[in-house]
Amino acid sequence: MVDIPKLVLNTGLQFLRSPEGPTDWRQVAQNAANVGDAERRTYEEKRRLLPAYETFVSEPTPQIIELTGLHAPSVREARVFDRYDWIDMNITAFEDQLAPLEKALVTQKTGSLISKGVYKSNQVISTVGLGFLLGYLAKKVLGQYDPSLFGREIVSGQIYFVEPNIEMVERQLSFSRDDFRRWIAIHEVTHAVVFESVPWLKGHLNQLLKRYLEATNDGLTSEGLQSRARAVASHYARRRQLSLMHAALSSEQIGLINQIQALMSVIEGYSDFVMDRIGKEMLATYNYMKREFELRRRRKSGREMLFERATGLGLKMEQYVLGERFVSHIAANRGIEFVNRVWRSPHDVPTLDEVARPEKWITREENAT
């Protein structure tokens, strides 16, 4: 169970601590472990499970390649994680991604008293907020393919399986142990095949994320704040309503978020499409699992839905739904070869509007031929 008094105490003490950077990553890890009810699994426990997961990863690869027509190295490393492992791995990734932004924020540390106050407040908010976010996700994530963004090399396409979460869902929904793990593996191996066979994809996603962080850094300057104020005023003049999005984000940030959202919708939707097609062929309990899993998603509490809307995780859920509809519609009407045009170049990736209206993307691609 989450230790609420400890969490509240750590939040209060955060104002008294003096970590070097804008985010206290050590405290983020501790808060995330608390929120995520993390418990350590022994090395022997995880090692004992590994051969089965290696089989689940290798088994569907030929079918995925045959269905998609994509080609990628067939050797991938499966790793069994507990929640602590998942938190540690993602904190490392967050540190890499946020390093340029944190470097820029350090300048506030030695400014005026107001600047120092803002810096400290941001430090507490980022430390507590990231701890909550990672802790929440640490209880939800079942599997994860690591594309090693921000300059880190892909190490044989590592795929992580968070065993405590898989066991929890398996128990709650009475799933077949092996079928459920194979189903998760199909989704993650499809991610691996896509990232490893599309040479521009990792670099393009990297660039979008870096440009977003650079725009975030620019938005912290006085010029950036004034620009957002003008955008809010302009939006109100046109539509007679206030826009929280324009108040929090610049027009450049909004545009980049839309591009990232569209790309991730296709990536997630493509893997869901493949997972469904191959799952039907390989797994005897597929129909039962799919039905129960979708019911579970719809049975979220109001508190969960509120948290996901507030943190943007609701967008992640929409990615699966919109992306799978996009891919399924095009595959049904033009075939998987036509779907694969999304992987030809960054220009061929659909916009958010085209993800929602796939016929528009089909028309654009046919006119470009």
Protein backbone atom coordinates (compact mmCIF):
# COMPACT_ATOMS: atom_id res chain seq x y z
CA MET A 1 0.00 0.00 0.00
CA VAL A 2 1.06 3.59 -0.64
CA ASP A 3 2.58 5.14 2.49
CA ILE A 4 0.66 8.46 2.43
CA PRO A 5 2.25 10.02 5.56
CA LYS A 6 5.72 9.25 4.20
CA LEU A 7 4.80 10.76 0.82
CA VAL A 8 3.46 13.95 2.43
CA LEU A 9 6.54 14.20 4.67
CA ASN A 10 8.91 13.78 1.72
CA THR A 11 7.04 16.47 -0.21
CA GLY A 12 7.40 18.90 2.68
CA LEU A 13 11.06 18.04 3.23
CA GLN A 14 11.74 18.64 -0.45
CA PHE A 15 11.62 22.39 0.23
CA LEU A 16 14.51 21.95 2.70
CA ARG A 17 16.70 19.74 0.51
CA SER A 18 19.33 21.16 -1.83
CA PRO A 19 19.84 18.73 -4.71
CA GLU A 20 22.25 19.81 -7.43
CA GLY A 21 19.82 19.91 -10.34
CA PRO A 22 16.28 21.18 -11.00
CA THR A 23 14.94 17.67 -10.32
CA ASP A 24 15.86 15.53 -7.31
CA TRP A 25 16.08 12.23 -9.20
CA ARG A 26 16.95 10.21 -6.12
CA GLN A 27 13.76 11.42 -4.44
CA VAL A 28 11.78 10.84 -7.64
CA ALA A 29 12.82 7.17 -7.47
CA GLN A 30 11.83 6.89 -3.80
CA ASN A 31 8.45 8.56 -4.34
CA ALA A 32 7.76 6.44 -7.43
CA ALA A 33 8.57 3.25 -5.54
CA ASN A 34 6.18 4.33 -2.76
CA VAL A 35 3.33 5.25 -5.14
CA GLY A 36 3.98 2.15 -7.22
CA ASP A 37 3.91 -0.26 -4.25
CA ALA A 38 7.24 -1.54 -5.52
CA GLU A 39 8.75 -4.70 -4.07
CA ARG A 40 12.05 -6.26 -5.01
CA ARG A 41 12.14 -9.58 -6.84
CA THR A 42 15.31 -11.59 -6.42
CA TYR A 43 17.72 -12.06 -9.30
CA GLU A 44 17.05 -15.82 -9.15
CA GLU A 45 13.27 -15.30 -9.48
CA LYS A 46 13.65 -13.14 -12.56
CA ARG A 47 16.29 -15.39 -14.09
CA ARG A 48 14.02 -18.42 -13.67
CA LEU A 49 11.29 -16.71 -15.73
CA LEU A 50 13.61 -15.52 -18.49
CA PRO A 51 13.74 -18.64 -20.75
CA ALA A 52 9.94 -18.61 -21.15
CA TYR A 53 9.94 -14.92 -22.09
CA GLU A 54 12.77 -15.47 -24.57
CA THR A 55 10.57 -18.09 -26.23
CA PHE A 56 7.54 -15.77 -26.23
CA VAL A 57 9.65 -13.09 -27.95
CA SER A 58 11.19 -15.37 -30.58
CA GLU A 59 8.05 -17.35 -31.47
CA PRO A 60 5.93 -14.64 -33.15
CA THR A 61 8.76 -12.91 -35.02
CA PRO A 62 8.40 -14.94 -38.28
CA GLN A 63 4.61 -14.37 -38.33
CA ILE A 64 5.06 -10.64 -37.68
CA ILE A 65 7.56 -10.34 -40.54
CA GLU A 66 5.29 -12.34 -42.86
CA LEU A 67 2.20 -10.29 -42.00
CA THR A 68 3.84 -6.85 -42.14
CA GLY A 69 6.44 -7.36 -44.83
CA LEU A 70 8.95 -5.53 -42.61
CA HIS A 71 12.38 -6.99 -41.91
CA ALA A 72 14.54 -6.54 -38.85
CA PRO A 73 17.19 -8.45 -36.85
CA SER A 74 15.57 -11.48 -35.23
CA VAL A 75 17.72 -11.53 -32.07
CA ARG A 76 16.17 -9.45 -29.29
CA GLU A 77 16.93 -9.39 -25.60
CA ALA A 78 14.05 -10.09 -23.22
CA ARG A 79 14.39 -8.89 -19.65
CA VAL A 80 12.17 -9.61 -16.65
CA PHE A 81 11.59 -6.58 -14.43
CA ASP A 82 10.05 -5.88 -11.08
CA ARG A 83 8.59 -2.40 -10.52
CA TYR A 84 11.85 -1.09 -9.08
CA ASP A 85 13.67 -2.13 -12.27
CA TRP A 86 11.10 -0.38 -14.45
CA ILE A 87 11.29 2.82 -12.38
CA ASP A 88 15.11 2.86 -12.46
CA MET A 89 15.24 2.29 -16.21
CA ASN A 90 12.72 5.05 -16.96
CA ILE A 91 14.36 7.54 -14.58
CA THR A 92 17.58 7.06 -16.57
CA ALA A 93 15.63 7.74 -19.78
CA PHE A 94 13.95 10.84 -18.29
CA GLU A 95 17.30 12.19 -17.10
CA ASP A 96 18.70 11.85 -20.63
CA GLN A 97 15.67 13.51 -22.21
CA LEU A 98 15.37 16.39 -19.75
CA ALA A 99 19.11 17.15 -19.42
CA PRO A 100 19.09 20.11 -21.89
CA LEU A 101 16.05 21.67 -20.20
CA GLU A 102 17.51 21.18 -16.72
CA LYS A 103 20.77 22.80 -17.82
CA ALA A 104 18.85 25.89 -18.90
CA LEU A 105 16.82 26.00 -15.67
CA VAL A 106 19.94 26.04 -13.48
CA THR A 107 20.48 29.70 -14.45
CA GLN A 108 17.47 30.63 -12.27
CA LYS A 109 19.26 29.24 -9.21
CA THR A 110 21.61 32.21 -8.93
CA GLY A 111 19.27 35.00 -9.98
CA SER A 112 17.06 37.28 -7.88
CA LEU A 113 15.21 36.14 -4.78
CA ILE A 114 12.06 35.71 -6.88
CA SER A 115 13.97 33.64 -9.44
CA LYS A 116 15.36 31.44 -6.68
CA GLY A 117 11.85 30.98 -5.28
CA VAL A 118 10.50 30.00 -8.68
CA TYR A 119 13.43 27.62 -9.17
CA LYS A 120 12.78 25.91 -5.82
CA SER A 121 9.05 25.64 -6.48
CA ASN A 122 9.71 24.10 -9.90
CA GLN A 123 12.17 21.70 -8.29
CA VAL A 124 9.57 20.47 -5.80
CA ILE A 125 6.80 20.27 -8.42
CA SER A 126 8.94 18.33 -10.90
CA THR A 127 10.29 15.96 -8.25
CA VAL A 128 6.88 15.20 -6.75
CA GLY A 129 5.05 15.17 -10.08
CA LEU A 130 7.48 12.81 -11.81
CA GLY A 131 7.45 10.54 -8.76
CA PHE A 132 3.65 10.28 -8.90
CA LEU A 133 3.63 9.73 -12.66
CA LEU A 134 6.31 7.03 -12.69
CA GLY A 135 4.82 5.34 -9.63
CA TYR A 136 1.37 5.22 -11.25
CA LEU A 137 2.78 3.82 -14.49
CA ALA A 138 4.97 1.32 -12.64
CA LYS A 139 1.76 -0.41 -11.52
CA LYS A 140 0.22 -0.38 -15.01
CA VAL A 141 2.88 -1.18 -17.61
CA LEU A 142 2.96 -4.83 -18.68
CA GLY A 143 5.65 -4.79 -21.36
CA GLN A 144 7.85 -2.17 -22.98
CA TYR A 145 10.14 -2.06 -25.99
CA ASP A 146 13.09 0.27 -25.47
CA PRO A 147 14.00 2.19 -28.66
CA SER A 148 16.88 3.86 -26.76
CA LEU A 149 16.10 7.44 -27.71
CA PHE A 150 18.30 10.52 -27.28
CA GLY A 151 21.49 9.12 -28.71
CA ARG A 152 21.54 5.83 -26.82
CA GLU A 153 22.21 2.90 -29.11
CA ILE A 154 19.62 0.15 -29.47
CA VAL A 155 21.00 -2.90 -27.66
CA SER A 156 19.52 -5.82 -29.62
CA GLY A 157 16.04 -4.35 -29.24
CA GLN A 158 15.49 -4.86 -25.53
CA ILE A 159 11.99 -5.78 -24.42
CA TYR A 160 11.02 -5.50 -20.76
CA PHE A 161 8.28 -7.51 -19.06
CA VAL A 162 7.06 -6.16 -15.70
CA GLU A 163 6.24 -9.45 -14.02
CA PRO A 164 4.33 -8.19 -10.91
CA ASN A 165 1.86 -6.32 -13.14
CA ILE A 166 1.45 -9.23 -15.53
CA GLU A 167 0.77 -11.57 -12.61
CA MET A 168 -1.76 -9.11 -11.13
CA VAL A 169 -3.79 -8.81 -14.36
CA GLU A 170 -3.53 -12.54 -14.99
CA ARG A 171 -5.05 -13.22 -11.55
CA GLN A 172 -7.73 -10.53 -11.76
CA LEU A 173 -8.99 -11.62 -15.19
CA SER A 174 -8.29 -15.36 -14.95
CA PHE A 175 -6.07 -15.37 -18.03
CA SER A 176 -4.07 -18.30 -19.32
CA ARG A 177 -0.55 -17.70 -18.06
CA ASP A 178 1.31 -18.43 -21.30
CA ASP A 179 -1.31 -17.01 -23.69
CA PHE A 180 -1.34 -13.67 -21.88
CA ARG A 181 2.44 -13.36 -21.96
CA ARG A 182 2.55 -14.33 -25.63
CA TRP A 183 -0.08 -11.67 -26.40
CA ILE A 184 1.98 -8.96 -24.70
CA ALA A 185 5.12 -10.19 -26.47
CA ILE A 186 3.50 -9.91 -29.92
CA HIS A 187 2.73 -6.24 -29.31
CA GLU A 188 6.25 -5.40 -28.09
CA VAL A 189 8.03 -7.46 -30.76
CA THR A 190 6.02 -5.58 -33.40
CA HIS A 191 7.35 -2.31 -31.94
CA ALA A 192 10.85 -3.76 -32.19
CA VAL A 193 10.39 -4.85 -35.82
CA VAL A 194 9.07 -1.41 -36.78
CA PHE A 195 11.80 0.60 -35.04
CA GLU A 196 14.59 -1.69 -36.22
CA SER A 197 13.44 -1.89 -39.85
CA VAL A 198 12.50 1.77 -40.45
CA PRO A 199 15.86 3.60 -40.55
CA TRP A 200 14.54 7.15 -40.11
CA LEU A 201 12.01 6.50 -37.32
CA LYS A 202 14.16 6.75 -34.21
CA GLY A 203 15.97 9.86 -35.46
CA HIS A 204 12.72 11.57 -36.44
CA LEU A 205 11.07 10.89 -33.08
CA ASN A 206 14.25 12.06 -31.39
CA GLN A 207 14.15 15.33 -33.29
CA LEU A 208 10.49 15.97 -32.45
CA LEU A 209 11.15 15.41 -28.75
CA LYS A 210 14.29 17.57 -28.75
CA ARG A 211 12.52 20.38 -30.58
CA TYR A 212 9.69 20.19 -28.04
CA LEU A 213 12.13 20.47 -25.13
CA GLU A 214 13.92 23.38 -26.83
CA ALA A 215 10.57 25.11 -27.33
CA THR A 216 9.78 24.48 -23.65
CA ASN A 217 13.08 26.09 -22.70
CA ASP A 218 12.34 29.10 -24.92
CA GLY A 219 8.92 29.39 -23.31
CA LEU A 220 10.50 30.00 -19.91
CA THR A 221 12.11 33.25 -21.07
CA SER A 222 10.32 36.58 -20.66
CA GLU A 223 9.87 36.74 -24.44
CA GLY A 224 8.27 33.30 -24.40
CA LEU A 225 5.88 34.24 -21.62
CA GLN A 226 4.88 37.42 -23.48
CA SER A 227 4.32 35.41 -26.67
CA ARG A 228 1.97 33.02 -24.85
CA ALA A 229 0.06 35.96 -23.35
CA ARG A 230 -0.45 37.35 -26.87
CA ALA A 231 -1.59 33.92 -28.09
CA VAL A 232 -4.16 33.69 -25.30
CA ALA A 233 -5.44 37.19 -26.12
CA SER A 234 -5.61 36.39 -29.83
CA HIS A 235 -7.48 33.14 -29.19
CA TYR A 236 -9.95 34.95 -26.94
CA ALA A 237 -10.49 37.69 -29.54
CA ARG A 238 -11.28 35.10 -32.22
CA ARG A 239 -13.42 32.66 -30.21
CA ARG A 240 -14.45 34.59 -27.09
CA GLN A 241 -13.10 31.90 -24.81
CA LEU A 242 -9.95 31.40 -22.77
CA SER A 243 -7.54 28.65 -23.83
CA LEU A 244 -5.58 26.89 -21.08
CA MET A 245 -3.54 25.13 -23.77
CA HIS A 246 -2.40 28.44 -25.27
CA ALA A 247 -1.64 29.73 -21.78
CA ALA A 248 0.57 26.74 -20.94
CA LEU A 249 2.09 26.02 -24.36
CA SER A 250 3.42 28.02 -27.29
CA SER A 251 2.01 27.48 -30.78
CA GLU A 252 5.25 25.67 -31.67
CA GLN A 253 4.82 23.30 -28.71
CA ILE A 254 1.21 22.59 -29.67
CA GLY A 255 2.26 21.81 -33.24
CA LEU A 256 5.02 19.47 -32.07
CA ILE A 257 2.68 17.71 -29.63
CA ASN A 258 0.26 17.09 -32.50
CA GLN A 259 3.04 15.62 -34.64
CA ILE A 260 4.26 13.38 -31.81
CA GLN A 261 0.69 12.31 -31.02
CA ALA A 262 0.01 11.41 -34.66
CA LEU A 263 3.23 9.39 -34.98
CA MET A 264 2.70 7.54 -31.70
CA SER A 265 -0.91 6.78 -32.67
CA VAL A 266 0.33 5.03 -35.81
CA ILE A 267 3.09 3.18 -33.94
CA GLU A 268 0.73 1.94 -31.21
CA GLY A 269 -2.14 1.27 -33.61
CA TYR A 270 0.10 -0.74 -35.93
CA SER A 271 1.23 -2.97 -33.06
CA ASP A 272 -2.35 -3.43 -31.84
CA PHE A 273 -3.43 -4.37 -35.38
CA VAL A 274 -0.65 -6.97 -35.66
CA MET A 275 -1.27 -8.22 -32.12
CA ASP A 276 -4.93 -8.84 -32.95
CA ARG A 277 -4.31 -10.59 -36.28
CA ILE A 278 -1.57 -12.88 -35.00
CA GLY A 279 -3.21 -13.36 -31.60
CA LYS A 280 -6.28 -14.83 -33.27
CA GLU A 281 -4.09 -17.42 -35.01
CA MET A 282 -1.68 -18.30 -32.18
CA LEU A 283 -3.69 -18.06 -28.97
CA ALA A 284 -6.60 -20.32 -28.02
CA THR A 285 -7.92 -17.88 -25.40
CA TYR A 286 -7.45 -14.75 -27.53
CA ASN A 287 -11.15 -13.77 -27.83
CA TYR A 288 -11.68 -14.09 -24.08
CA MET A 289 -8.58 -12.05 -23.27
CA LYS A 290 -9.43 -9.28 -25.70
CA ARG A 291 -13.00 -8.96 -24.39
CA GLU A 292 -11.96 -8.94 -20.72
CA PHE A 293 -9.07 -6.55 -21.31
CA GLU A 294 -11.31 -4.02 -23.07
CA LEU A 295 -13.89 -4.28 -20.28
CA ARG A 296 -11.12 -3.67 -17.74
CA ARG A 297 -10.06 -0.50 -19.56
CA ARG A 298 -13.62 0.81 -19.44
CA ARG A 299 -14.03 0.02 -15.73
CA LYS A 300 -11.49 2.61 -14.58
CA SER A 301 -12.47 4.61 -11.52
CA GLY A 302 -13.27 8.30 -11.74
CA ARG A 303 -10.06 9.05 -9.84
CA GLU A 304 -7.99 7.11 -12.38
CA MET A 305 -9.63 8.86 -15.33
CA LEU A 306 -9.11 12.26 -13.71
CA PHE A 307 -5.43 11.50 -13.10
CA GLU A 308 -4.94 10.33 -16.69
CA ARG A 309 -6.60 13.44 -18.10
CA ALA A 310 -4.52 15.70 -15.85
CA THR A 311 -1.21 14.02 -16.78
CA GLY A 312 -1.90 13.47 -20.47
CA LEU A 313 -2.04 9.68 -20.08
CA GLY A 314 -5.54 9.80 -21.53
CA LEU A 315 -3.91 10.75 -24.84
CA LYS A 316 -1.86 7.56 -24.64
CA MET A 317 -5.05 5.51 -24.39
CA GLU A 318 -6.51 7.38 -27.36
CA GLN A 319 -3.40 6.50 -29.36
CA TYR A 320 -4.24 2.80 -29.17
CA VAL A 321 -7.86 3.30 -30.22
CA LEU A 322 -7.42 5.89 -32.98
CA GLY A 323 -4.25 4.29 -34.32
CA GLU A 324 -5.76 0.80 -34.51
CA ARG A 325 -8.85 2.15 -36.30
CA PHE A 326 -6.61 4.00 -38.78
CA VAL A 327 -4.47 0.94 -39.56
CA SER A 328 -7.44 -1.46 -39.68
CA HIS A 329 -9.41 0.79 -42.03
CA ILE A 330 -6.53 1.14 -44.47
CA ALA A 331 -5.56 -2.54 -44.29
CA ALA A 332 -9.17 -3.55 -45.01
CA ASN A 333 -9.47 -1.19 -47.98
CA ARG A 334 -5.95 -1.07 -49.43
CA GLY A 335 -3.95 -3.86 -47.76
CA ILE A 336 -1.00 -3.89 -45.37
CA GLU A 337 1.39 -2.84 -48.15
CA PHE A 338 -0.47 0.47 -48.42
CA VAL A 339 -0.42 0.88 -44.63
CA ASN A 340 3.37 0.49 -44.76
CA ARG A 341 3.60 3.75 -46.70
CA VAL A 342 3.59 5.43 -43.29
CA TRP A 343 7.10 4.04 -42.84
CA ARG A 344 8.49 5.41 -46.13
CA SER A 345 9.45 8.83 -44.77
CA PRO A 346 8.46 11.40 -42.10
CA HIS A 347 6.40 13.16 -44.80
CA ASP A 348 4.21 10.06 -45.15
CA VAL A 349 3.23 10.01 -41.47
CA PRO A 350 -0.43 11.09 -41.16
CA THR A 351 -1.47 14.24 -39.36
CA LEU A 352 -3.77 13.96 -36.34
CA ASP A 353 -6.69 14.90 -38.58
CA GLU A 354 -5.73 12.13 -41.02
CA VAL A 355 -5.44 9.58 -38.20
CA ALA A 356 -9.06 10.36 -37.32
CA ARG A 357 -10.07 10.46 -41.02
CA PRO A 358 -7.96 7.80 -42.77
CA GLU A 359 -9.56 8.41 -46.19
CA LYS A 360 -7.85 11.81 -46.23
CA TRP A 361 -4.48 10.14 -45.78
CA ILE A 362 -5.28 7.56 -48.47
CA THR A 363 -6.14 10.36 -50.90
CA ARG A 364 -2.92 12.23 -50.08
CA GLU A 365 -0.81 9.13 -50.59
CA GLU A 366 -2.51 8.18 -53.85
CA ASN A 367 -2.05 11.72 -55.21
CA ALA A 368 1.63 11.60 -54.24
CA THR A 369 2.25 8.38 -56.15
